[in-house]
Amino acid sequence: MNDVKFYLDAAEKKMQEAVDFLDDTLAHIRAGKANVKILDGIRVNYYGSPVPIDNVANVSTPDQRTIAIMPWERNMIGAIEKAIIDSNVGIMPINNGEVIRLNIPPLTEERRKLLVKDSKAESEKARVSIRNARREAIEGLKKAVKEGMSEDVSKDGEEKVQKIHDKFMKKIDEIFAAKEKEILTV
């Protein structure tokens, strides 16, 4: 029975990682309202070292369409502004000398459909990862039968793997549905 648990735990861990990765990936897709996660990949040159923006400034969302970046040191405003312009965020920063503001423009219908399509593609990648984890667990159980595990225990293990698979597929559907709703909400 210990062998079955080994395969189930490994499959569940891989499936959870796929869901977590999807959640993180979809959080970086801009959905028309301000989300500080779109700045996560941007690095600012801070005394010769590239660091994330939130290490040199306070990043907040005062309203649904604005991201405010307040540097802890005034001399960092230029470096932060340059990093944002050089990134692929696609938003021009507005600098008033103390605070950098990013005004998030409303999305066009065409852009919304494209973002939903991108989100669906990311969801499908996660589904493939989950299916692969299920397949690996089932193959491992079949190999364990050849090494002496009873077929009944193996079949029960396969059923449990399938239940875990179904649970994670449902999670992916829920995450995608929430993101699709967020993108399509005007």
N, C-alpha and C. Protein backbone atom coordinates (compact mmCIF):
# COMPACT_ATOMS: atom_id res chain seq x y z
N MET A 1 0.83 -1.21 0.00
CA MET A 1 0.00 0.00 0.00
C MET A 1 0.86 1.25 0.00
N ASN A 2 2.04 1.14 0.57
CA ASN A 2 2.95 2.28 0.63
C ASN A 2 3.35 2.74 -0.77
N ASP A 3 3.48 1.79 -1.70
CA ASP A 3 3.85 2.13 -3.07
C ASP A 3 2.78 3.00 -3.73
N VAL A 4 1.51 2.66 -3.50
CA VAL A 4 0.41 3.43 -4.08
C VAL A 4 0.47 4.87 -3.59
N LYS A 5 0.68 5.05 -2.28
CA LYS A 5 0.75 6.39 -1.71
C LYS A 5 1.89 7.20 -2.34
N PHE A 6 2.99 6.54 -2.60
CA PHE A 6 4.13 7.20 -3.24
C PHE A 6 3.72 7.79 -4.59
N TYR A 7 3.04 6.99 -5.41
CA TYR A 7 2.63 7.46 -6.75
C TYR A 7 1.54 8.52 -6.66
N LEU A 8 0.62 8.35 -5.72
CA LEU A 8 -0.46 9.34 -5.55
C LEU A 8 0.10 10.69 -5.11
N ASP A 9 1.01 10.65 -4.13
CA ASP A 9 1.60 11.89 -3.63
C ASP A 9 2.39 12.62 -4.71
N ALA A 10 3.17 11.86 -5.48
CA ALA A 10 3.96 12.47 -6.56
C ALA A 10 3.04 13.11 -7.60
N ALA A 11 1.98 12.40 -7.97
CA ALA A 11 1.04 12.93 -8.98
C ALA A 11 0.34 14.17 -8.45
N GLU A 12 -0.10 14.12 -7.19
CA GLU A 12 -0.81 15.28 -6.61
C GLU A 12 0.10 16.49 -6.52
N LYS A 13 1.37 16.26 -6.17
CA LYS A 13 2.33 17.38 -6.07
C LYS A 13 2.52 18.03 -7.44
N LYS A 14 2.68 17.22 -8.48
CA LYS A 14 2.86 17.77 -9.83
C LYS A 14 1.62 18.51 -10.30
N MET A 15 0.45 17.97 -9.97
CA MET A 15 -0.79 18.62 -10.37
C MET A 15 -0.97 19.95 -9.65
N GLN A 16 -0.63 19.99 -8.37
CA GLN A 16 -0.73 21.24 -7.60
C GLN A 16 0.23 22.28 -8.16
N GLU A 17 1.42 21.86 -8.54
CA GLU A 17 2.39 22.79 -9.14
C GLU A 17 1.85 23.36 -10.44
N ALA A 18 1.18 22.54 -11.24
CA ALA A 18 0.60 23.02 -12.50
C ALA A 18 -0.48 24.06 -12.23
N VAL A 19 -1.31 23.83 -11.23
CA VAL A 19 -2.38 24.78 -10.88
C VAL A 19 -1.76 26.08 -10.36
N ASP A 20 -0.76 25.97 -9.49
CA ASP A 20 -0.11 27.17 -8.95
C ASP A 20 0.55 27.98 -10.06
N PHE A 21 1.20 27.30 -10.99
CA PHE A 21 1.85 27.99 -12.11
C PHE A 21 0.80 28.71 -12.96
N LEU A 22 -0.31 28.04 -13.23
CA LEU A 22 -1.38 28.67 -14.00
C LEU A 22 -1.91 29.90 -13.29
N ASP A 23 -2.14 29.78 -12.00
CA ASP A 23 -2.66 30.90 -11.21
C ASP A 23 -1.71 32.09 -11.30
N ASP A 24 -0.41 31.83 -11.16
CA ASP A 24 0.59 32.89 -11.23
C ASP A 24 0.66 33.50 -12.64
N THR A 25 0.62 32.66 -13.65
CA THR A 25 0.69 33.13 -15.03
C THR A 25 -0.52 34.00 -15.37
N LEU A 26 -1.70 33.57 -14.98
CA LEU A 26 -2.90 34.36 -15.29
C LEU A 26 -2.93 35.67 -14.51
N ALA A 27 -2.30 35.69 -13.34
CA ALA A 27 -2.26 36.93 -12.56
C ALA A 27 -1.45 38.01 -13.28
N HIS A 28 -0.51 37.60 -14.13
CA HIS A 28 0.30 38.57 -14.85
C HIS A 28 -0.37 39.07 -16.14
N ILE A 29 -1.48 38.49 -16.51
CA ILE A 29 -2.19 38.96 -17.71
C ILE A 29 -3.05 40.15 -17.31
N ARG A 30 -2.82 41.27 -17.98
CA ARG A 30 -3.51 42.52 -17.65
C ARG A 30 -4.96 42.42 -18.10
N ALA A 31 -5.89 42.62 -17.16
CA ALA A 31 -7.30 42.44 -17.46
C ALA A 31 -8.09 43.75 -17.46
N GLY A 32 -7.43 44.87 -17.68
CA GLY A 32 -8.16 46.13 -17.77
C GLY A 32 -8.25 46.87 -16.46
N LYS A 33 -7.93 46.20 -15.35
CA LYS A 33 -7.91 46.94 -14.10
C LYS A 33 -6.53 46.80 -13.47
N ALA A 34 -6.21 47.74 -12.61
CA ALA A 34 -4.87 47.82 -12.03
C ALA A 34 -4.56 46.59 -11.19
N ASN A 35 -3.39 46.01 -11.44
CA ASN A 35 -2.91 44.85 -10.69
C ASN A 35 -1.39 45.00 -10.59
N VAL A 36 -0.88 45.10 -9.39
CA VAL A 36 0.56 45.33 -9.21
C VAL A 36 1.41 44.17 -9.71
N LYS A 37 0.82 42.99 -9.92
CA LYS A 37 1.59 41.84 -10.40
C LYS A 37 2.12 42.04 -11.83
N ILE A 38 1.54 42.98 -12.59
CA ILE A 38 2.07 43.19 -13.94
C ILE A 38 3.47 43.79 -13.90
N LEU A 39 3.87 44.29 -12.74
CA LEU A 39 5.21 44.88 -12.58
C LEU A 39 6.23 43.88 -12.04
N ASP A 40 5.80 42.65 -11.73
CA ASP A 40 6.68 41.66 -11.09
C ASP A 40 7.95 41.37 -11.87
N GLY A 41 7.87 41.32 -13.18
CA GLY A 41 9.04 40.94 -13.97
C GLY A 41 10.01 42.08 -14.23
N ILE A 42 9.66 43.29 -13.82
CA ILE A 42 10.49 44.47 -14.13
C ILE A 42 11.57 44.63 -13.06
N ARG A 43 12.79 44.81 -13.52
CA ARG A 43 13.93 45.02 -12.63
C ARG A 43 14.45 46.45 -12.80
N VAL A 44 14.79 47.07 -11.66
CA VAL A 44 15.30 48.44 -11.63
C VAL A 44 16.77 48.39 -11.24
N ASN A 45 17.58 49.21 -11.89
CA ASN A 45 19.00 49.28 -11.55
C ASN A 45 19.16 50.09 -10.27
N TYR A 46 19.48 49.40 -9.18
CA TYR A 46 19.61 50.05 -7.87
C TYR A 46 21.06 49.92 -7.43
N TYR A 47 21.83 50.98 -7.62
CA TYR A 47 23.25 51.01 -7.29
C TYR A 47 24.01 49.84 -7.90
N GLY A 48 23.73 49.57 -9.17
CA GLY A 48 24.44 48.55 -9.92
C GLY A 48 23.83 47.16 -9.89
N SER A 49 22.78 46.96 -9.10
CA SER A 49 22.15 45.65 -9.02
C SER A 49 20.71 45.72 -9.52
N PRO A 50 20.31 44.77 -10.37
CA PRO A 50 18.91 44.76 -10.80
C PRO A 50 18.01 44.18 -9.69
N VAL A 51 17.04 44.96 -9.24
CA VAL A 51 16.14 44.52 -8.17
C VAL A 51 14.68 44.76 -8.60
N PRO A 52 13.74 44.01 -8.03
CA PRO A 52 12.32 44.25 -8.35
C PRO A 52 11.88 45.65 -7.89
N ILE A 53 10.88 46.20 -8.56
CA ILE A 53 10.40 47.55 -8.23
C ILE A 53 9.96 47.63 -6.77
N ASP A 54 9.28 46.59 -6.28
CA ASP A 54 8.78 46.66 -4.90
C ASP A 54 9.89 46.61 -3.85
N ASN A 55 11.15 46.41 -4.26
CA ASN A 55 12.27 46.49 -3.32
C ASN A 55 12.79 47.91 -3.16
N VAL A 56 12.40 48.83 -4.07
CA VAL A 56 12.89 50.21 -4.00
C VAL A 56 11.75 51.22 -3.89
N ALA A 57 10.51 50.74 -3.89
CA ALA A 57 9.38 51.65 -3.85
C ALA A 57 8.15 50.97 -3.26
N ASN A 58 7.22 51.80 -2.82
CA ASN A 58 5.92 51.31 -2.37
C ASN A 58 5.00 51.29 -3.59
N VAL A 59 4.47 50.12 -3.93
CA VAL A 59 3.60 49.97 -5.10
C VAL A 59 2.19 49.71 -4.60
N SER A 60 1.23 50.54 -5.07
CA SER A 60 -0.15 50.38 -4.62
C SER A 60 -1.12 50.67 -5.76
N THR A 61 -2.38 50.35 -5.53
CA THR A 61 -3.43 50.65 -6.50
C THR A 61 -4.47 51.53 -5.80
N PRO A 62 -4.36 52.85 -5.96
CA PRO A 62 -5.32 53.75 -5.32
C PRO A 62 -6.75 53.61 -5.86
N ASP A 63 -6.87 53.20 -7.11
CA ASP A 63 -8.19 52.93 -7.68
C ASP A 63 -8.06 51.83 -8.72
N GLN A 64 -9.16 51.47 -9.38
CA GLN A 64 -9.15 50.33 -10.30
C GLN A 64 -8.34 50.57 -11.56
N ARG A 65 -8.07 51.78 -11.93
CA ARG A 65 -7.38 52.07 -13.18
C ARG A 65 -5.98 52.68 -12.99
N THR A 66 -5.46 52.72 -11.77
CA THR A 66 -4.18 53.37 -11.51
C THR A 66 -3.29 52.53 -10.62
N ILE A 67 -2.00 52.50 -10.99
CA ILE A 67 -0.98 51.92 -10.12
C ILE A 67 -0.07 53.08 -9.72
N ALA A 68 0.14 53.25 -8.42
CA ALA A 68 1.00 54.31 -7.92
C ALA A 68 2.29 53.69 -7.39
N ILE A 69 3.43 54.27 -7.82
CA ILE A 69 4.74 53.80 -7.38
C ILE A 69 5.43 54.96 -6.68
N MET A 70 5.66 54.81 -5.38
CA MET A 70 6.29 55.88 -4.59
C MET A 70 7.66 55.40 -4.15
N PRO A 71 8.73 55.86 -4.83
CA PRO A 71 10.08 55.42 -4.48
C PRO A 71 10.47 55.86 -3.07
N TRP A 72 11.27 55.02 -2.41
CA TRP A 72 11.74 55.38 -1.09
C TRP A 72 12.85 56.42 -1.18
N GLU A 73 13.54 56.48 -2.30
CA GLU A 73 14.58 57.49 -2.52
C GLU A 73 14.20 58.27 -3.78
N ARG A 74 14.20 59.59 -3.71
CA ARG A 74 13.78 60.40 -4.85
C ARG A 74 14.63 60.17 -6.09
N ASN A 75 15.92 59.90 -5.92
CA ASN A 75 16.79 59.72 -7.08
C ASN A 75 16.47 58.45 -7.86
N MET A 76 15.58 57.59 -7.35
CA MET A 76 15.22 56.35 -8.03
C MET A 76 14.09 56.55 -9.05
N ILE A 77 13.45 57.71 -9.05
CA ILE A 77 12.31 57.94 -9.95
C ILE A 77 12.71 57.72 -11.41
N GLY A 78 13.83 58.26 -11.83
CA GLY A 78 14.28 58.11 -13.22
C GLY A 78 14.55 56.66 -13.58
N ALA A 79 15.21 55.93 -12.68
CA ALA A 79 15.53 54.52 -12.95
C ALA A 79 14.27 53.67 -13.04
N ILE A 80 13.31 53.93 -12.15
CA ILE A 80 12.05 53.17 -12.17
C ILE A 80 11.29 53.48 -13.46
N GLU A 81 11.23 54.76 -13.80
CA GLU A 81 10.51 55.17 -15.02
C GLU A 81 11.14 54.52 -16.25
N LYS A 82 12.47 54.53 -16.32
CA LYS A 82 13.18 53.92 -17.46
C LYS A 82 12.90 52.42 -17.54
N ALA A 83 12.92 51.74 -16.39
CA ALA A 83 12.67 50.30 -16.36
C ALA A 83 11.26 49.98 -16.87
N ILE A 84 10.29 50.80 -16.50
CA ILE A 84 8.91 50.57 -16.94
C ILE A 84 8.79 50.80 -18.45
N ILE A 85 9.41 51.86 -18.93
CA ILE A 85 9.36 52.17 -20.37
C ILE A 85 10.03 51.05 -21.17
N ASP A 86 11.17 50.54 -20.67
CA ASP A 86 11.90 49.49 -21.38
C ASP A 86 11.22 48.12 -21.31
N SER A 87 10.30 47.94 -20.38
CA SER A 87 9.64 46.64 -20.21
C SER A 87 8.54 46.47 -21.26
N ASN A 88 7.91 45.30 -21.23
CA ASN A 88 6.84 45.03 -22.19
C ASN A 88 5.46 45.25 -21.59
N VAL A 89 5.36 46.08 -20.54
CA VAL A 89 4.07 46.37 -19.91
C VAL A 89 3.17 47.14 -20.87
N GLY A 90 3.75 48.03 -21.66
CA GLY A 90 2.97 48.76 -22.65
C GLY A 90 2.21 49.95 -22.09
N ILE A 91 2.64 50.48 -20.96
CA ILE A 91 1.97 51.63 -20.34
C ILE A 91 3.03 52.70 -20.07
N MET A 92 2.74 53.93 -20.48
CA MET A 92 3.68 55.03 -20.23
C MET A 92 3.50 55.55 -18.81
N PRO A 93 4.59 55.62 -18.05
CA PRO A 93 4.50 56.14 -16.69
C PRO A 93 4.34 57.67 -16.68
N ILE A 94 3.62 58.18 -15.71
CA ILE A 94 3.44 59.62 -15.52
C ILE A 94 4.15 59.97 -14.21
N ASN A 95 5.09 60.90 -14.29
CA ASN A 95 5.94 61.22 -13.16
C ASN A 95 5.67 62.65 -12.72
N ASN A 96 5.34 62.85 -11.43
CA ASN A 96 5.13 64.22 -10.93
C ASN A 96 6.26 64.67 -10.01
N GLY A 97 7.35 63.94 -9.99
CA GLY A 97 8.50 64.31 -9.16
C GLY A 97 8.56 63.53 -7.86
N GLU A 98 7.43 63.03 -7.38
CA GLU A 98 7.40 62.24 -6.14
C GLU A 98 6.81 60.86 -6.35
N VAL A 99 5.80 60.79 -7.21
CA VAL A 99 5.08 59.53 -7.44
C VAL A 99 5.01 59.26 -8.93
N ILE A 100 5.20 57.99 -9.29
CA ILE A 100 5.02 57.57 -10.68
C ILE A 100 3.67 56.89 -10.76
N ARG A 101 2.86 57.34 -11.70
CA ARG A 101 1.53 56.75 -11.87
C ARG A 101 1.46 56.03 -13.21
N LEU A 102 0.82 54.86 -13.19
CA LEU A 102 0.54 54.12 -14.41
C LEU A 102 -0.98 54.07 -14.55
N ASN A 103 -1.50 54.74 -15.56
CA ASN A 103 -2.93 54.71 -15.80
C ASN A 103 -3.23 53.55 -16.74
N ILE A 104 -4.02 52.61 -16.27
CA ILE A 104 -4.36 51.42 -17.04
C ILE A 104 -5.51 51.78 -17.99
N PRO A 105 -5.25 51.74 -19.29
CA PRO A 105 -6.33 52.08 -20.23
C PRO A 105 -7.36 50.96 -20.31
N PRO A 106 -8.62 51.32 -20.58
CA PRO A 106 -9.62 50.27 -20.74
C PRO A 106 -9.30 49.44 -21.99
N LEU A 107 -9.61 48.16 -21.92
CA LEU A 107 -9.29 47.26 -23.03
C LEU A 107 -10.36 47.34 -24.12
N THR A 108 -9.91 47.21 -25.36
CA THR A 108 -10.86 47.14 -26.47
C THR A 108 -11.44 45.73 -26.51
N GLU A 109 -12.56 45.57 -27.20
CA GLU A 109 -13.20 44.25 -27.30
C GLU A 109 -12.26 43.25 -27.95
N GLU A 110 -11.54 43.69 -28.98
CA GLU A 110 -10.60 42.81 -29.68
C GLU A 110 -9.49 42.34 -28.73
N ARG A 111 -8.96 43.27 -27.93
CA ARG A 111 -7.90 42.95 -26.99
C ARG A 111 -8.41 41.99 -25.91
N ARG A 112 -9.65 42.20 -25.46
CA ARG A 112 -10.23 41.31 -24.46
C ARG A 112 -10.31 39.88 -24.98
N LYS A 113 -10.77 39.74 -26.23
CA LYS A 113 -10.88 38.40 -26.83
C LYS A 113 -9.51 37.75 -26.95
N LEU A 114 -8.50 38.55 -27.30
CA LEU A 114 -7.13 38.03 -27.41
C LEU A 114 -6.61 37.56 -26.04
N LEU A 115 -6.90 38.35 -25.00
CA LEU A 115 -6.45 37.97 -23.65
C LEU A 115 -7.15 36.70 -23.17
N VAL A 116 -8.44 36.55 -23.51
CA VAL A 116 -9.17 35.32 -23.14
C VAL A 116 -8.54 34.14 -23.86
N LYS A 117 -8.18 34.34 -25.13
CA LYS A 117 -7.56 33.28 -25.92
C LYS A 117 -6.21 32.88 -25.29
N ASP A 118 -5.42 33.88 -24.89
CA ASP A 118 -4.13 33.61 -24.23
C ASP A 118 -4.34 32.85 -22.92
N SER A 119 -5.34 33.28 -22.15
CA SER A 119 -5.64 32.63 -20.87
C SER A 119 -6.06 31.18 -21.09
N LYS A 120 -6.84 30.96 -22.13
CA LYS A 120 -7.29 29.60 -22.44
C LYS A 120 -6.10 28.72 -22.83
N ALA A 121 -5.16 29.29 -23.59
CA ALA A 121 -3.97 28.53 -23.98
C ALA A 121 -3.14 28.16 -22.75
N GLU A 122 -3.00 29.09 -21.80
CA GLU A 122 -2.27 28.79 -20.57
C GLU A 122 -2.99 27.71 -19.76
N SER A 123 -4.32 27.78 -19.73
CA SER A 123 -5.10 26.78 -19.02
C SER A 123 -4.91 25.40 -19.65
N GLU A 124 -4.85 25.38 -20.97
CA GLU A 124 -4.67 24.10 -21.66
C GLU A 124 -3.29 23.51 -21.35
N LYS A 125 -2.27 24.36 -21.24
CA LYS A 125 -0.93 23.87 -20.86
C LYS A 125 -0.99 23.21 -19.47
N ALA A 126 -1.72 23.84 -18.57
CA ALA A 126 -1.84 23.27 -17.21
C ALA A 126 -2.60 21.94 -17.26
N ARG A 127 -3.63 21.87 -18.10
CA ARG A 127 -4.38 20.61 -18.23
C ARG A 127 -3.47 19.49 -18.75
N VAL A 128 -2.62 19.82 -19.72
CA VAL A 128 -1.69 18.83 -20.27
C VAL A 128 -0.73 18.36 -19.17
N SER A 129 -0.24 19.28 -18.35
CA SER A 129 0.66 18.90 -17.26
C SER A 129 -0.03 17.96 -16.29
N ILE A 130 -1.30 18.24 -16.00
CA ILE A 130 -2.04 17.38 -15.07
C ILE A 130 -2.27 16.00 -15.68
N ARG A 131 -2.60 15.97 -16.97
CA ARG A 131 -2.79 14.67 -17.63
C ARG A 131 -1.49 13.87 -17.63
N ASN A 132 -0.37 14.56 -17.86
CA ASN A 132 0.93 13.88 -17.85
C ASN A 132 1.24 13.31 -16.46
N ALA A 133 0.92 14.07 -15.41
CA ALA A 133 1.15 13.57 -14.06
C ALA A 133 0.29 12.33 -13.80
N ARG A 134 -0.96 12.34 -14.28
CA ARG A 134 -1.83 11.17 -14.12
C ARG A 134 -1.24 9.97 -14.86
N ARG A 135 -0.81 10.21 -16.10
CA ARG A 135 -0.25 9.13 -16.91
C ARG A 135 0.98 8.54 -16.24
N GLU A 136 1.87 9.39 -15.72
CA GLU A 136 3.08 8.90 -15.05
C GLU A 136 2.73 8.06 -13.82
N ALA A 137 1.73 8.50 -13.06
CA ALA A 137 1.33 7.74 -11.87
C ALA A 137 0.76 6.38 -12.26
N ILE A 138 -0.09 6.36 -13.29
CA ILE A 138 -0.69 5.09 -13.72
C ILE A 138 0.39 4.15 -14.27
N GLU A 139 1.33 4.70 -15.05
CA GLU A 139 2.43 3.86 -15.55
C GLU A 139 3.26 3.30 -14.40
N GLY A 140 3.50 4.13 -13.39
CA GLY A 140 4.24 3.67 -12.21
C GLY A 140 3.52 2.55 -11.49
N LEU A 141 2.19 2.69 -11.38
CA LEU A 141 1.40 1.64 -10.72
C LEU A 141 1.44 0.34 -11.53
N LYS A 142 1.38 0.45 -12.85
CA LYS A 142 1.43 -0.76 -13.69
C LYS A 142 2.79 -1.43 -13.58
N LYS A 143 3.83 -0.61 -13.48
CA LYS A 143 5.18 -1.16 -13.31
C LYS A 143 5.30 -1.84 -11.94
N ALA A 144 4.63 -1.26 -10.93
CA ALA A 144 4.67 -1.85 -9.59
C ALA A 144 3.98 -3.21 -9.56
N VAL A 145 2.94 -3.39 -10.42
CA VAL A 145 2.27 -4.70 -10.51
C VAL A 145 3.27 -5.75 -10.98
N LYS A 146 4.11 -5.39 -11.95
CA LYS A 146 5.11 -6.33 -12.46
C LYS A 146 6.15 -6.66 -11.38
N GLU A 147 6.32 -5.72 -10.42
CA GLU A 147 7.31 -5.92 -9.36
C GLU A 147 6.70 -6.58 -8.12
N GLY A 148 5.41 -6.97 -8.21
CA GLY A 148 4.83 -7.72 -7.10
C GLY A 148 3.61 -7.11 -6.44
N MET A 149 3.21 -5.90 -6.79
CA MET A 149 2.00 -5.32 -6.20
C MET A 149 0.77 -6.04 -6.77
N SER A 150 -0.25 -6.22 -5.94
CA SER A 150 -1.45 -6.91 -6.43
C SER A 150 -2.20 -6.01 -7.41
N GLU A 151 -2.89 -6.64 -8.35
CA GLU A 151 -3.60 -5.87 -9.37
C GLU A 151 -4.77 -5.10 -8.77
N ASP A 152 -5.41 -5.65 -7.75
CA ASP A 152 -6.52 -4.94 -7.10
C ASP A 152 -6.05 -3.62 -6.49
N VAL A 153 -4.92 -3.67 -5.80
CA VAL A 153 -4.36 -2.46 -5.18
C VAL A 153 -3.99 -1.46 -6.27
N SER A 154 -3.43 -1.95 -7.36
CA SER A 154 -3.06 -1.08 -8.47
C SER A 154 -4.29 -0.41 -9.08
N LYS A 155 -5.37 -1.19 -9.28
CA LYS A 155 -6.60 -0.63 -9.86
C LYS A 155 -7.22 0.42 -8.92
N ASP A 156 -7.20 0.14 -7.61
CA ASP A 156 -7.69 1.12 -6.64
C ASP A 156 -6.85 2.40 -6.72
N GLY A 157 -5.54 2.23 -6.85
CA GLY A 157 -4.65 3.38 -6.99
C GLY A 157 -4.95 4.19 -8.23
N GLU A 158 -5.23 3.49 -9.34
CA GLU A 158 -5.57 4.19 -10.58
C GLU A 158 -6.86 5.00 -10.43
N GLU A 159 -7.83 4.42 -9.71
CA GLU A 159 -9.09 5.14 -9.47
C GLU A 159 -8.84 6.39 -8.63
N LYS A 160 -7.98 6.26 -7.64
CA LYS A 160 -7.65 7.42 -6.79
C LYS A 160 -6.92 8.49 -7.60
N VAL A 161 -6.01 8.07 -8.47
CA VAL A 161 -5.30 9.03 -9.33
C VAL A 161 -6.31 9.76 -10.21
N GLN A 162 -7.29 9.04 -10.73
CA GLN A 162 -8.30 9.65 -11.58
C GLN A 162 -9.12 10.68 -10.80
N LYS A 163 -9.45 10.37 -9.54
CA LYS A 163 -10.21 11.32 -8.71
C LYS A 163 -9.39 12.58 -8.45
N ILE A 164 -8.11 12.39 -8.17
CA ILE A 164 -7.23 13.55 -7.95
C ILE A 164 -7.15 14.37 -9.24
N HIS A 165 -7.00 13.68 -10.37
CA HIS A 165 -6.96 14.33 -11.68
C HIS A 165 -8.22 15.17 -11.90
N ASP A 166 -9.38 14.59 -11.63
CA ASP A 166 -10.65 15.30 -11.83
C ASP A 166 -10.75 16.54 -10.94
N LYS A 167 -10.27 16.41 -9.70
CA LYS A 167 -10.30 17.53 -8.75
C LYS A 167 -9.48 18.71 -9.28
N PHE A 168 -8.27 18.40 -9.78
CA PHE A 168 -7.41 19.47 -10.27
C PHE A 168 -7.90 20.05 -11.59
N MET A 169 -8.50 19.23 -12.44
CA MET A 169 -9.08 19.74 -13.68
C MET A 169 -10.21 20.73 -13.36
N LYS A 170 -10.99 20.41 -12.34
CA LYS A 170 -12.07 21.31 -11.93
C LYS A 170 -11.49 22.63 -11.43
N LYS A 171 -10.38 22.56 -10.68
CA LYS A 171 -9.72 23.79 -10.19
C LYS A 171 -9.27 24.65 -11.37
N ILE A 172 -8.71 24.02 -12.39
CA ILE A 172 -8.25 24.78 -13.56
C ILE A 172 -9.43 25.45 -14.25
N ASP A 173 -10.53 24.71 -14.39
CA ASP A 173 -11.73 25.30 -15.00
C ASP A 173 -12.22 26.50 -14.20
N GLU A 174 -12.18 26.40 -12.87
CA GLU A 174 -12.63 27.51 -12.03
C GLU A 174 -11.70 28.72 -12.16
N ILE A 175 -10.40 28.48 -12.18
CA ILE A 175 -9.43 29.58 -12.31
C ILE A 175 -9.61 30.27 -13.65
N PHE A 176 -9.75 29.46 -14.72
CA PHE A 176 -9.93 30.05 -16.05
C PHE A 176 -11.24 30.83 -16.13
N ALA A 177 -12.31 30.28 -15.59
CA ALA A 177 -13.61 30.96 -15.64
C ALA A 177 -13.55 32.30 -14.90
N ALA A 178 -12.86 32.33 -13.77
CA ALA A 178 -12.73 33.58 -13.02
C ALA A 178 -11.92 34.61 -13.81
N LYS A 179 -10.84 34.17 -14.44
CA LYS A 179 -10.01 35.09 -15.22
C LYS A 179 -10.78 35.59 -16.45
N GLU A 180 -11.52 34.68 -17.09
CA GLU A 180 -12.31 35.07 -18.27
C GLU A 180 -13.35 36.11 -17.88
N LYS A 181 -13.99 35.91 -16.75
CA LYS A 181 -14.99 36.88 -16.26
C LYS A 181 -14.33 38.22 -15.98
N GLU A 182 -13.16 38.17 -15.35
CA GLU A 182 -12.43 39.41 -15.02
C GLU A 182 -12.05 40.16 -16.31
N ILE A 183 -11.60 39.45 -17.32
CA ILE A 183 -11.18 40.09 -18.57
C ILE A 183 -12.38 40.67 -19.31
N LEU A 184 -13.47 39.94 -19.35
CA LEU A 184 -14.63 40.37 -20.14
C LEU A 184 -15.51 41.40 -19.43
N THR A 185 -15.30 41.61 -18.13
CA THR A 185 -16.07 42.61 -17.40
C THR A 185 -15.58 44.00 -17.80
N VAL A 186 -16.50 44.80 -18.28
CA VAL A 186 -16.13 46.15 -18.75
C VAL A 186 -16.22 47.13 -17.60
